Amino acid sequence: MKYLKIPFVMFALFLAILTGCEERNELVGPTFNGEGSDAFSKRGANRGSTVPEQPGAVYTMTNDALSNEVVAFQRSPEGRLSLIGRFETRGKGSGGEIDPLGSQGSVTLSHDGRWLFAVNAGSNEISVFEVGPSGAIDLTDNVSSGGVFPVSVTAYKDIVYVLNAGGGKDIAVTREGSTGNITGFR
């Protein structure tokens, strides 16, 4: 009888371990939980989902050394992109063939999706855009990045964080929630 208990205990342990392992067949990608930000418009995003199920917008940047631009695309429910437009930042990118910024955060949205922030590494600035209902954006402000060669920007609530790779300090700047304007350095 004693020998039957050991295999039973081992089998029960095996089942406990097996039930703790959950197979996950889901895509890994950005989540839309209202706490973070990314280059996807949150309009139409399913909260907690990894894949948008409704139309929205996607933003990227040219990084042109003479005249930097943000390029906006409309995203269909099936994921197809169509050009909304190109929008000047009134700043300068760093240029280059391969991602010279070496980052994925050169463009980001505020947590509420109303404001888009873009770095201008060549002119050491941050551009602030208001996001319209169609996904088109309107430049509202340009402000110094507080350092040299800003490569990444992210936003959390009413704070915008900037990573300057070429010198100066990494900074956090505050913004006015209703206007999106950057109001001061910390």
N, C-alpha and C. Protein backbone atom coordinates (compact mmCIF):
# COMPACT_ATOMS: atom_id res chain seq x y z
N MET A 1 0.81 -1.19 0.00
CA MET A 1 0.00 0.00 0.00
C MET A 1 0.86 1.26 0.00
N LYS A 2 1.97 1.21 0.72
CA LYS A 2 2.89 2.33 0.81
C LYS A 2 3.44 2.67 -0.58
N TYR A 3 3.69 1.66 -1.40
CA TYR A 3 4.26 1.88 -2.72
C TYR A 3 3.25 2.49 -3.70
N LEU A 4 1.96 2.32 -3.47
CA LEU A 4 0.94 2.91 -4.33
C LEU A 4 0.79 4.41 -4.09
N LYS A 5 1.11 4.87 -2.88
CA LYS A 5 0.99 6.29 -2.56
C LYS A 5 2.00 7.14 -3.33
N ILE A 6 3.20 6.65 -3.52
CA ILE A 6 4.24 7.43 -4.20
C ILE A 6 3.85 7.73 -5.65
N PRO A 7 3.44 6.72 -6.47
CA PRO A 7 3.02 7.05 -7.83
C PRO A 7 1.80 7.96 -7.85
N PHE A 8 0.87 7.77 -6.93
CA PHE A 8 -0.32 8.62 -6.89
C PHE A 8 0.07 10.07 -6.59
N VAL A 9 0.94 10.28 -5.62
CA VAL A 9 1.41 11.63 -5.28
C VAL A 9 2.16 12.25 -6.46
N MET A 10 3.00 11.45 -7.11
CA MET A 10 3.75 11.95 -8.28
C MET A 10 2.79 12.34 -9.40
N PHE A 11 1.76 11.52 -9.64
CA PHE A 11 0.78 11.80 -10.68
C PHE A 11 -0.01 13.06 -10.33
N ALA A 12 -0.41 13.23 -9.09
CA ALA A 12 -1.14 14.42 -8.65
C ALA A 12 -0.27 15.67 -8.81
N LEU A 13 1.01 15.56 -8.48
CA LEU A 13 1.94 16.68 -8.64
C LEU A 13 2.08 17.03 -10.11
N PHE A 14 2.20 16.01 -10.95
CA PHE A 14 2.30 16.22 -12.39
C PHE A 14 1.07 16.96 -12.92
N LEU A 15 -0.13 16.55 -12.49
CA LEU A 15 -1.36 17.21 -12.93
C LEU A 15 -1.42 18.66 -12.44
N ALA A 16 -0.97 18.90 -11.23
CA ALA A 16 -0.96 20.27 -10.70
C ALA A 16 -0.04 21.16 -11.51
N ILE A 17 1.12 20.64 -11.87
CA ILE A 17 2.07 21.41 -12.68
C ILE A 17 1.49 21.63 -14.07
N LEU A 18 0.91 20.60 -14.64
CA LEU A 18 0.36 20.68 -15.98
C LEU A 18 -0.78 21.69 -16.06
N THR A 19 -1.64 21.74 -15.07
CA THR A 19 -2.75 22.69 -15.10
C THR A 19 -2.27 24.12 -14.88
N GLY A 20 -1.10 24.28 -14.27
CA GLY A 20 -0.54 25.62 -14.10
C GLY A 20 0.06 26.17 -15.37
N CYS A 21 0.35 25.30 -16.32
CA CYS A 21 0.90 25.71 -17.60
C CYS A 21 -0.25 25.98 -18.55
N GLU A 22 -0.34 27.20 -19.02
CA GLU A 22 -1.43 27.58 -19.90
C GLU A 22 -0.88 27.84 -21.29
N GLU A 23 -1.47 27.23 -22.29
CA GLU A 23 -1.04 27.48 -23.66
C GLU A 23 -1.58 28.83 -24.08
N ARG A 24 -0.72 29.66 -24.66
CA ARG A 24 -1.13 30.99 -25.08
C ARG A 24 -0.87 31.13 -26.56
N ASN A 25 -1.91 31.25 -27.32
CA ASN A 25 -1.80 31.43 -28.76
C ASN A 25 -2.25 32.84 -29.11
N GLU A 26 -1.61 33.84 -28.53
CA GLU A 26 -2.00 35.21 -28.81
C GLU A 26 -0.81 35.98 -29.35
N LEU A 27 -1.10 37.03 -30.06
CA LEU A 27 -0.05 37.87 -30.59
C LEU A 27 0.58 38.69 -29.48
N VAL A 28 1.85 38.94 -29.61
CA VAL A 28 2.53 39.79 -28.66
C VAL A 28 2.67 41.15 -29.33
N GLY A 29 2.25 42.17 -28.67
CA GLY A 29 2.31 43.50 -29.27
C GLY A 29 1.89 44.54 -28.26
N PRO A 30 1.68 45.76 -28.73
CA PRO A 30 1.31 46.83 -27.81
C PRO A 30 -0.06 46.57 -27.21
N THR A 31 -0.22 46.96 -25.96
CA THR A 31 -1.52 46.84 -25.34
C THR A 31 -2.12 48.23 -25.20
N PHE A 32 -3.42 48.28 -25.10
CA PHE A 32 -4.12 49.55 -25.01
C PHE A 32 -4.84 49.57 -23.67
N ASN A 33 -4.10 49.87 -22.61
CA ASN A 33 -4.70 49.82 -21.28
C ASN A 33 -4.87 51.20 -20.67
N GLY A 34 -4.56 52.24 -21.43
CA GLY A 34 -4.74 53.59 -20.92
C GLY A 34 -3.60 54.08 -20.06
N GLU A 35 -2.62 53.24 -19.75
CA GLU A 35 -1.52 53.65 -18.90
C GLU A 35 -0.29 54.04 -19.71
N GLY A 36 -0.07 53.42 -20.83
CA GLY A 36 1.11 53.69 -21.63
C GLY A 36 0.75 54.42 -22.89
N SER A 37 1.72 54.54 -23.76
CA SER A 37 1.46 55.17 -25.03
C SER A 37 2.32 54.53 -26.09
N ASP A 38 1.91 54.64 -27.30
CA ASP A 38 2.64 54.09 -28.42
C ASP A 38 2.23 54.86 -29.66
N ALA A 39 2.66 54.43 -30.82
CA ALA A 39 2.37 55.16 -32.04
C ALA A 39 1.07 54.72 -32.69
N PHE A 40 0.21 54.03 -31.97
CA PHE A 40 -1.11 53.67 -32.47
C PHE A 40 -2.13 54.60 -31.83
N SER A 41 -3.04 55.12 -32.62
CA SER A 41 -4.14 55.88 -32.06
C SER A 41 -5.03 54.95 -31.26
N LYS A 42 -5.48 55.38 -30.09
CA LYS A 42 -6.31 54.52 -29.25
C LYS A 42 -7.78 54.59 -29.64
N ARG A 43 -8.13 55.49 -30.55
CA ARG A 43 -9.52 55.55 -30.97
C ARG A 43 -9.89 54.21 -31.60
N GLY A 44 -10.89 53.57 -31.06
CA GLY A 44 -11.35 52.30 -31.61
C GLY A 44 -10.60 51.09 -31.09
N ALA A 45 -9.62 51.29 -30.22
CA ALA A 45 -8.87 50.14 -29.70
C ALA A 45 -9.68 49.43 -28.63
N ASN A 46 -9.62 48.15 -28.62
CA ASN A 46 -10.28 47.34 -27.61
C ASN A 46 -9.39 47.30 -26.38
N ARG A 47 -9.82 47.87 -25.28
CA ARG A 47 -9.02 47.91 -24.05
C ARG A 47 -8.53 46.53 -23.66
N GLY A 48 -7.23 46.41 -23.37
CA GLY A 48 -6.65 45.14 -22.96
C GLY A 48 -6.31 44.24 -24.14
N SER A 49 -6.67 44.64 -25.34
CA SER A 49 -6.41 43.83 -26.53
C SER A 49 -5.00 44.11 -27.04
N THR A 50 -4.42 43.15 -27.73
CA THR A 50 -3.11 43.36 -28.33
C THR A 50 -3.23 43.75 -29.79
N VAL A 51 -4.39 43.58 -30.39
CA VAL A 51 -4.58 43.92 -31.79
C VAL A 51 -5.82 44.80 -31.92
N PRO A 52 -5.67 45.98 -32.52
CA PRO A 52 -6.83 46.84 -32.71
C PRO A 52 -7.89 46.13 -33.55
N GLU A 53 -9.16 46.26 -33.15
CA GLU A 53 -10.24 45.62 -33.89
C GLU A 53 -11.06 46.61 -34.69
N GLN A 54 -10.81 47.90 -34.52
CA GLN A 54 -11.56 48.93 -35.21
C GLN A 54 -10.58 49.89 -35.86
N PRO A 55 -11.08 50.77 -36.72
CA PRO A 55 -10.18 51.71 -37.38
C PRO A 55 -9.45 52.60 -36.38
N GLY A 56 -8.32 53.12 -36.78
CA GLY A 56 -7.53 54.02 -35.96
C GLY A 56 -6.47 54.65 -36.84
N ALA A 57 -5.38 55.07 -36.25
CA ALA A 57 -4.31 55.71 -37.00
C ALA A 57 -2.96 55.18 -36.53
N VAL A 58 -1.98 55.23 -37.42
CA VAL A 58 -0.61 54.84 -37.13
C VAL A 58 0.27 56.02 -37.54
N TYR A 59 1.28 56.33 -36.71
CA TYR A 59 2.16 57.47 -36.97
C TYR A 59 3.61 57.01 -37.02
N THR A 60 4.36 57.60 -37.94
CA THR A 60 5.79 57.35 -38.05
C THR A 60 6.46 58.67 -38.43
N MET A 61 7.79 58.66 -38.55
CA MET A 61 8.51 59.90 -38.79
C MET A 61 9.51 59.72 -39.92
N THR A 62 9.74 60.78 -40.71
CA THR A 62 10.70 60.71 -41.81
C THR A 62 12.13 60.84 -41.32
N ASN A 63 12.36 61.59 -40.27
CA ASN A 63 13.70 61.87 -39.73
C ASN A 63 14.57 62.61 -40.74
N ASP A 64 13.96 63.40 -41.61
CA ASP A 64 14.66 64.16 -42.64
C ASP A 64 15.52 65.24 -41.99
N ALA A 65 16.78 65.31 -42.38
CA ALA A 65 17.73 66.25 -41.77
C ALA A 65 17.41 67.71 -42.09
N LEU A 66 16.68 67.96 -43.18
CA LEU A 66 16.35 69.34 -43.53
C LEU A 66 14.97 69.76 -43.04
N SER A 67 14.01 68.87 -43.13
CA SER A 67 12.64 69.19 -42.74
C SER A 67 11.93 67.91 -42.28
N ASN A 68 11.97 67.66 -40.99
CA ASN A 68 11.39 66.44 -40.43
C ASN A 68 9.87 66.47 -40.56
N GLU A 69 9.27 65.29 -40.76
CA GLU A 69 7.82 65.19 -40.89
C GLU A 69 7.31 63.97 -40.13
N VAL A 70 6.07 64.07 -39.65
CA VAL A 70 5.35 62.92 -39.14
C VAL A 70 4.41 62.49 -40.25
N VAL A 71 4.39 61.19 -40.54
CA VAL A 71 3.51 60.64 -41.57
C VAL A 71 2.40 59.87 -40.86
N ALA A 72 1.16 60.20 -41.21
CA ALA A 72 0.00 59.58 -40.56
C ALA A 72 -0.72 58.67 -41.55
N PHE A 73 -1.13 57.50 -41.06
CA PHE A 73 -1.86 56.52 -41.86
C PHE A 73 -3.16 56.16 -41.15
N GLN A 74 -4.23 56.02 -41.92
CA GLN A 74 -5.49 55.49 -41.40
C GLN A 74 -5.37 53.98 -41.37
N ARG A 75 -5.81 53.35 -40.29
CA ARG A 75 -5.76 51.89 -40.17
C ARG A 75 -7.18 51.33 -40.23
N SER A 76 -7.42 50.41 -41.17
CA SER A 76 -8.74 49.79 -41.29
C SER A 76 -8.89 48.69 -40.24
N PRO A 77 -10.11 48.20 -40.02
CA PRO A 77 -10.30 47.10 -39.06
C PRO A 77 -9.49 45.86 -39.43
N GLU A 78 -9.18 45.68 -40.71
CA GLU A 78 -8.39 44.53 -41.15
C GLU A 78 -6.89 44.78 -41.06
N GLY A 79 -6.51 46.01 -40.70
CA GLY A 79 -5.10 46.34 -40.54
C GLY A 79 -4.47 47.01 -41.75
N ARG A 80 -5.24 47.26 -42.81
CA ARG A 80 -4.69 47.95 -43.99
C ARG A 80 -4.45 49.42 -43.66
N LEU A 81 -3.36 49.94 -44.21
CA LEU A 81 -3.01 51.34 -43.97
C LEU A 81 -3.23 52.16 -45.24
N SER A 82 -3.75 53.37 -45.07
CA SER A 82 -3.85 54.32 -46.17
C SER A 82 -3.39 55.68 -45.66
N LEU A 83 -2.69 56.41 -46.51
CA LEU A 83 -2.07 57.67 -46.13
C LEU A 83 -3.12 58.73 -45.77
N ILE A 84 -2.97 59.32 -44.59
CA ILE A 84 -3.77 60.49 -44.21
C ILE A 84 -3.04 61.74 -44.68
N GLY A 85 -1.74 61.81 -44.40
CA GLY A 85 -0.96 62.96 -44.81
C GLY A 85 0.41 63.00 -44.16
N ARG A 86 1.20 63.96 -44.61
CA ARG A 86 2.53 64.22 -44.06
C ARG A 86 2.46 65.58 -43.37
N PHE A 87 3.00 65.67 -42.16
CA PHE A 87 2.86 66.87 -41.35
C PHE A 87 4.23 67.34 -40.87
N GLU A 88 4.60 68.57 -41.25
CA GLU A 88 5.91 69.12 -40.87
C GLU A 88 5.99 69.32 -39.36
N THR A 89 7.17 68.98 -38.81
CA THR A 89 7.42 69.22 -37.39
C THR A 89 8.00 70.61 -37.16
N ARG A 90 8.45 71.25 -38.23
CA ARG A 90 9.20 72.52 -38.20
C ARG A 90 10.52 72.36 -37.45
N GLY A 91 11.00 71.12 -37.41
CA GLY A 91 12.29 70.81 -36.83
C GLY A 91 13.10 69.99 -37.81
N LYS A 92 14.28 69.58 -37.39
CA LYS A 92 15.17 68.80 -38.24
C LYS A 92 15.40 67.43 -37.63
N GLY A 93 15.35 66.40 -38.50
CA GLY A 93 15.70 65.06 -38.07
C GLY A 93 17.20 64.89 -38.13
N SER A 94 17.67 63.69 -37.84
CA SER A 94 19.12 63.44 -37.88
C SER A 94 19.56 62.89 -39.22
N GLY A 95 18.63 62.55 -40.11
CA GLY A 95 18.98 62.00 -41.42
C GLY A 95 19.48 60.57 -41.28
N GLY A 96 20.05 60.04 -42.33
CA GLY A 96 20.62 58.70 -42.29
C GLY A 96 19.77 57.68 -42.99
N GLU A 97 20.41 56.60 -43.41
CA GLU A 97 19.74 55.52 -44.15
C GLU A 97 19.04 54.54 -43.21
N ILE A 98 19.74 54.05 -42.21
CA ILE A 98 19.20 53.10 -41.26
C ILE A 98 18.85 53.87 -40.00
N ASP A 99 17.85 53.44 -39.27
CA ASP A 99 17.38 54.17 -38.09
C ASP A 99 18.52 54.74 -37.26
N PRO A 100 18.94 55.98 -37.56
CA PRO A 100 20.05 56.58 -36.82
C PRO A 100 19.69 56.91 -35.39
N LEU A 101 18.41 56.97 -35.10
CA LEU A 101 18.01 57.24 -33.72
C LEU A 101 18.18 56.00 -32.85
N GLY A 102 18.20 54.83 -33.46
CA GLY A 102 18.39 53.60 -32.69
C GLY A 102 17.34 53.41 -31.62
N SER A 103 16.12 53.86 -31.91
CA SER A 103 15.07 53.77 -30.91
C SER A 103 13.75 53.45 -31.56
N GLN A 104 12.80 53.06 -30.75
CA GLN A 104 11.45 52.86 -31.25
C GLN A 104 10.52 53.93 -30.71
N GLY A 105 11.05 54.89 -30.01
CA GLY A 105 10.19 55.86 -29.34
C GLY A 105 10.36 57.28 -29.82
N SER A 106 10.61 57.49 -31.10
CA SER A 106 10.79 58.86 -31.57
C SER A 106 9.46 59.57 -31.77
N VAL A 107 8.35 58.82 -31.80
CA VAL A 107 7.00 59.36 -31.90
C VAL A 107 6.13 58.64 -30.87
N THR A 108 5.34 59.38 -30.12
CA THR A 108 4.45 58.74 -29.14
C THR A 108 3.19 59.56 -28.95
N LEU A 109 2.17 58.92 -28.44
CA LEU A 109 0.90 59.58 -28.13
C LEU A 109 0.75 59.77 -26.63
N SER A 110 -0.01 60.80 -26.25
CA SER A 110 -0.37 60.96 -24.85
C SER A 110 -1.30 59.83 -24.45
N HIS A 111 -1.45 59.60 -23.14
CA HIS A 111 -2.27 58.48 -22.66
C HIS A 111 -3.72 58.57 -23.10
N ASP A 112 -4.22 59.78 -23.36
CA ASP A 112 -5.61 59.94 -23.80
C ASP A 112 -5.74 59.98 -25.32
N GLY A 113 -4.62 59.90 -26.04
CA GLY A 113 -4.64 59.88 -27.50
C GLY A 113 -4.90 61.23 -28.15
N ARG A 114 -4.92 62.31 -27.36
CA ARG A 114 -5.21 63.64 -27.91
C ARG A 114 -3.98 64.36 -28.44
N TRP A 115 -2.79 63.99 -27.97
CA TRP A 115 -1.57 64.69 -28.32
C TRP A 115 -0.53 63.71 -28.84
N LEU A 116 0.21 64.14 -29.85
CA LEU A 116 1.31 63.34 -30.40
C LEU A 116 2.60 64.13 -30.20
N PHE A 117 3.64 63.46 -29.73
CA PHE A 117 4.94 64.08 -29.48
C PHE A 117 5.97 63.43 -30.39
N ALA A 118 6.82 64.24 -31.02
CA ALA A 118 7.86 63.72 -31.92
C ALA A 118 9.18 64.41 -31.62
N VAL A 119 10.27 63.65 -31.65
CA VAL A 119 11.59 64.24 -31.42
C VAL A 119 12.15 64.75 -32.75
N ASN A 120 12.91 65.81 -32.66
CA ASN A 120 13.65 66.36 -33.80
C ASN A 120 15.12 66.36 -33.39
N ALA A 121 15.82 65.25 -33.67
CA ALA A 121 17.19 65.06 -33.19
C ALA A 121 18.15 66.09 -33.76
N GLY A 122 17.93 66.53 -35.00
CA GLY A 122 18.84 67.48 -35.64
C GLY A 122 18.71 68.90 -35.13
N SER A 123 17.57 69.25 -34.54
CA SER A 123 17.37 70.60 -34.00
C SER A 123 17.12 70.60 -32.50
N ASN A 124 17.27 69.43 -31.86
CA ASN A 124 17.17 69.31 -30.40
C ASN A 124 15.84 69.83 -29.85
N GLU A 125 14.76 69.40 -30.49
CA GLU A 125 13.43 69.87 -30.11
C GLU A 125 12.44 68.71 -30.01
N ILE A 126 11.31 69.02 -29.36
CA ILE A 126 10.15 68.13 -29.34
C ILE A 126 9.03 68.89 -30.02
N SER A 127 8.34 68.24 -30.96
CA SER A 127 7.16 68.84 -31.59
C SER A 127 5.92 68.25 -30.94
N VAL A 128 4.93 69.10 -30.70
CA VAL A 128 3.66 68.69 -30.09
C VAL A 128 2.55 68.90 -31.12
N PHE A 129 1.77 67.85 -31.38
CA PHE A 129 0.66 67.91 -32.32
C PHE A 129 -0.64 67.56 -31.61
N GLU A 130 -1.72 68.21 -32.02
CA GLU A 130 -3.05 67.79 -31.58
C GLU A 130 -3.58 66.78 -32.58
N VAL A 131 -4.15 65.68 -32.08
CA VAL A 131 -4.68 64.62 -32.94
C VAL A 131 -6.17 64.88 -33.17
N GLY A 132 -6.56 64.98 -34.45
CA GLY A 132 -7.96 65.20 -34.80
C GLY A 132 -8.74 63.89 -34.90
N PRO A 133 -10.06 63.97 -35.02
CA PRO A 133 -10.91 62.77 -35.09
C PRO A 133 -10.58 61.85 -36.27
N SER A 134 -10.10 62.43 -37.37
CA SER A 134 -9.78 61.62 -38.56
C SER A 134 -8.39 60.99 -38.47
N GLY A 135 -7.61 61.39 -37.45
CA GLY A 135 -6.23 60.93 -37.32
C GLY A 135 -5.24 61.94 -37.84
N ALA A 136 -5.72 62.98 -38.54
CA ALA A 136 -4.84 64.07 -38.98
C ALA A 136 -4.33 64.80 -37.74
N ILE A 137 -3.15 65.40 -37.85
CA ILE A 137 -2.55 66.09 -36.70
C ILE A 137 -2.26 67.54 -37.05
N ASP A 138 -2.24 68.39 -36.02
CA ASP A 138 -2.00 69.81 -36.19
C ASP A 138 -0.91 70.24 -35.21
N LEU A 139 0.18 70.81 -35.74
CA LEU A 139 1.30 71.25 -34.90
C LEU A 139 0.85 72.39 -33.99
N THR A 140 1.07 72.23 -32.68
CA THR A 140 0.68 73.27 -31.72
C THR A 140 1.88 73.90 -31.01
N ASP A 141 3.02 73.19 -30.97
CA ASP A 141 4.15 73.71 -30.20
C ASP A 141 5.43 72.99 -30.59
N ASN A 142 6.55 73.70 -30.51
CA ASN A 142 7.90 73.14 -30.60
C ASN A 142 8.65 73.65 -29.38
N VAL A 143 9.37 72.77 -28.70
CA VAL A 143 10.09 73.18 -27.51
C VAL A 143 11.43 72.47 -27.48
N SER A 144 12.42 73.09 -26.86
CA SER A 144 13.74 72.49 -26.70
C SER A 144 13.63 71.16 -25.96
N SER A 145 14.47 70.21 -26.35
CA SER A 145 14.48 68.91 -25.66
C SER A 145 15.25 68.98 -24.35
N GLY A 146 15.92 70.09 -24.08
CA GLY A 146 16.69 70.23 -22.85
C GLY A 146 18.06 69.59 -22.92
N GLY A 147 18.45 69.12 -24.09
CA GLY A 147 19.75 68.48 -24.26
C GLY A 147 20.10 68.41 -25.74
N VAL A 148 20.99 67.48 -26.06
CA VAL A 148 21.47 67.33 -27.43
C VAL A 148 21.05 65.96 -27.97
N PHE A 149 20.53 65.95 -29.19
CA PHE A 149 20.18 64.74 -29.93
C PHE A 149 19.12 63.90 -29.21
N PRO A 150 17.90 64.42 -29.09
CA PRO A 150 16.84 63.63 -28.48
C PRO A 150 16.49 62.44 -29.37
N VAL A 151 16.46 61.24 -28.80
CA VAL A 151 16.21 60.03 -29.58
C VAL A 151 14.90 59.34 -29.22
N SER A 152 14.34 59.66 -28.06
CA SER A 152 13.14 58.96 -27.63
C SER A 152 12.28 59.87 -26.77
N VAL A 153 10.98 59.70 -26.90
CA VAL A 153 10.03 60.47 -26.11
C VAL A 153 8.90 59.53 -25.70
N THR A 154 8.43 59.68 -24.49
CA THR A 154 7.27 58.91 -24.03
C THR A 154 6.45 59.80 -23.10
N ALA A 155 5.21 59.45 -22.94
CA ALA A 155 4.32 60.26 -22.11
C ALA A 155 3.60 59.38 -21.10
N TYR A 156 3.44 59.91 -19.91
CA TYR A 156 2.65 59.26 -18.87
C TYR A 156 1.85 60.33 -18.16
N LYS A 157 0.54 60.24 -18.28
CA LYS A 157 -0.38 61.24 -17.74
C LYS A 157 0.04 62.62 -18.24
N ASP A 158 0.38 63.57 -17.37
CA ASP A 158 0.75 64.90 -17.83
C ASP A 158 2.26 65.15 -17.79
N ILE A 159 3.04 64.09 -17.91
CA ILE A 159 4.50 64.22 -17.95
C ILE A 159 5.01 63.62 -19.25
N VAL A 160 5.91 64.35 -19.90
CA VAL A 160 6.56 63.87 -21.12
C VAL A 160 8.03 63.67 -20.78
N TYR A 161 8.55 62.46 -21.03
CA TYR A 161 9.94 62.14 -20.75
C TYR A 161 10.72 62.12 -22.07
N VAL A 162 11.92 62.71 -22.07
CA VAL A 162 12.75 62.78 -23.27
C VAL A 162 14.11 62.19 -22.96
N LEU A 163 14.60 61.34 -23.85
CA LEU A 163 15.94 60.77 -23.73
C LEU A 163 16.84 61.49 -24.73
N ASN A 164 17.86 62.21 -24.22
CA ASN A 164 18.83 62.91 -25.05
C ASN A 164 20.11 62.09 -25.10
N ALA A 165 20.49 61.62 -26.29
CA ALA A 165 21.65 60.73 -26.42
C ALA A 165 22.97 61.47 -26.59
N GLY A 166 22.93 62.73 -27.00
CA GLY A 166 24.17 63.43 -27.33
C GLY A 166 24.69 64.34 -26.24
N GLY A 167 24.10 64.38 -25.12
CA GLY A 167 24.57 65.24 -24.05
C GLY A 167 23.42 65.94 -23.38
N GLY A 168 23.72 66.57 -22.29
CA GLY A 168 22.66 67.16 -21.50
C GLY A 168 22.02 66.06 -20.68
N LYS A 169 21.03 66.41 -19.93
CA LYS A 169 20.42 65.39 -19.09
C LYS A 169 19.13 64.89 -19.73
N ASP A 170 18.75 63.68 -19.34
CA ASP A 170 17.45 63.16 -19.73
C ASP A 170 16.46 63.92 -18.87
N ILE A 171 15.37 64.34 -19.48
CA ILE A 171 14.48 65.24 -18.76
C ILE A 171 13.05 64.76 -18.77
N ALA A 172 12.31 65.32 -17.88
CA ALA A 172 10.86 65.18 -17.89
C ALA A 172 10.31 66.59 -17.97
N VAL A 173 9.37 66.80 -18.85
CA VAL A 173 8.74 68.10 -18.97
C VAL A 173 7.25 67.93 -18.72
N THR A 174 6.66 68.95 -18.14
CA THR A 174 5.23 68.88 -17.89
C THR A 174 4.49 69.48 -19.06
N ARG A 175 3.24 69.07 -19.22
CA ARG A 175 2.43 69.66 -20.27
C ARG A 175 1.07 70.01 -19.70
N GLU A 176 0.47 70.99 -20.29
CA GLU A 176 -0.87 71.43 -19.91
C GLU A 176 -1.86 70.48 -20.56
N GLY A 177 -2.66 69.80 -19.76
CA GLY A 177 -3.57 68.76 -20.26
C GLY A 177 -4.54 69.22 -21.32
N SER A 178 -5.07 70.43 -21.22
CA SER A 178 -6.09 70.86 -22.17
C SER A 178 -5.50 71.38 -23.47
N THR A 179 -4.26 71.87 -23.44
CA THR A 179 -3.66 72.42 -24.66
C THR A 179 -2.52 71.57 -25.20
N GLY A 180 -1.96 70.69 -24.38
CA GLY A 180 -0.84 69.88 -24.82
C GLY A 180 0.48 70.61 -24.81
N ASN A 181 0.47 71.92 -24.52
CA ASN A 181 1.70 72.69 -24.55
C ASN A 181 2.63 72.29 -23.42
N ILE A 182 3.91 72.26 -23.75
CA ILE A 182 4.92 71.92 -22.76
C ILE A 182 5.16 73.17 -21.91
N THR A 183 5.08 73.01 -20.59
CA THR A 183 5.09 74.18 -19.71
C THR A 183 6.32 74.32 -18.84
N GLY A 184 7.18 73.32 -18.76
CA GLY A 184 8.36 73.47 -17.93
C GLY A 184 9.17 72.21 -17.81
N PHE A 185 10.42 72.37 -17.41
CA PHE A 185 11.34 71.25 -17.23
C PHE A 185 11.40 70.87 -15.77
N ARG A 186 11.70 69.59 -15.51
CA ARG A 186 11.91 69.13 -14.14
C ARG A 186 13.31 68.62 -14.00
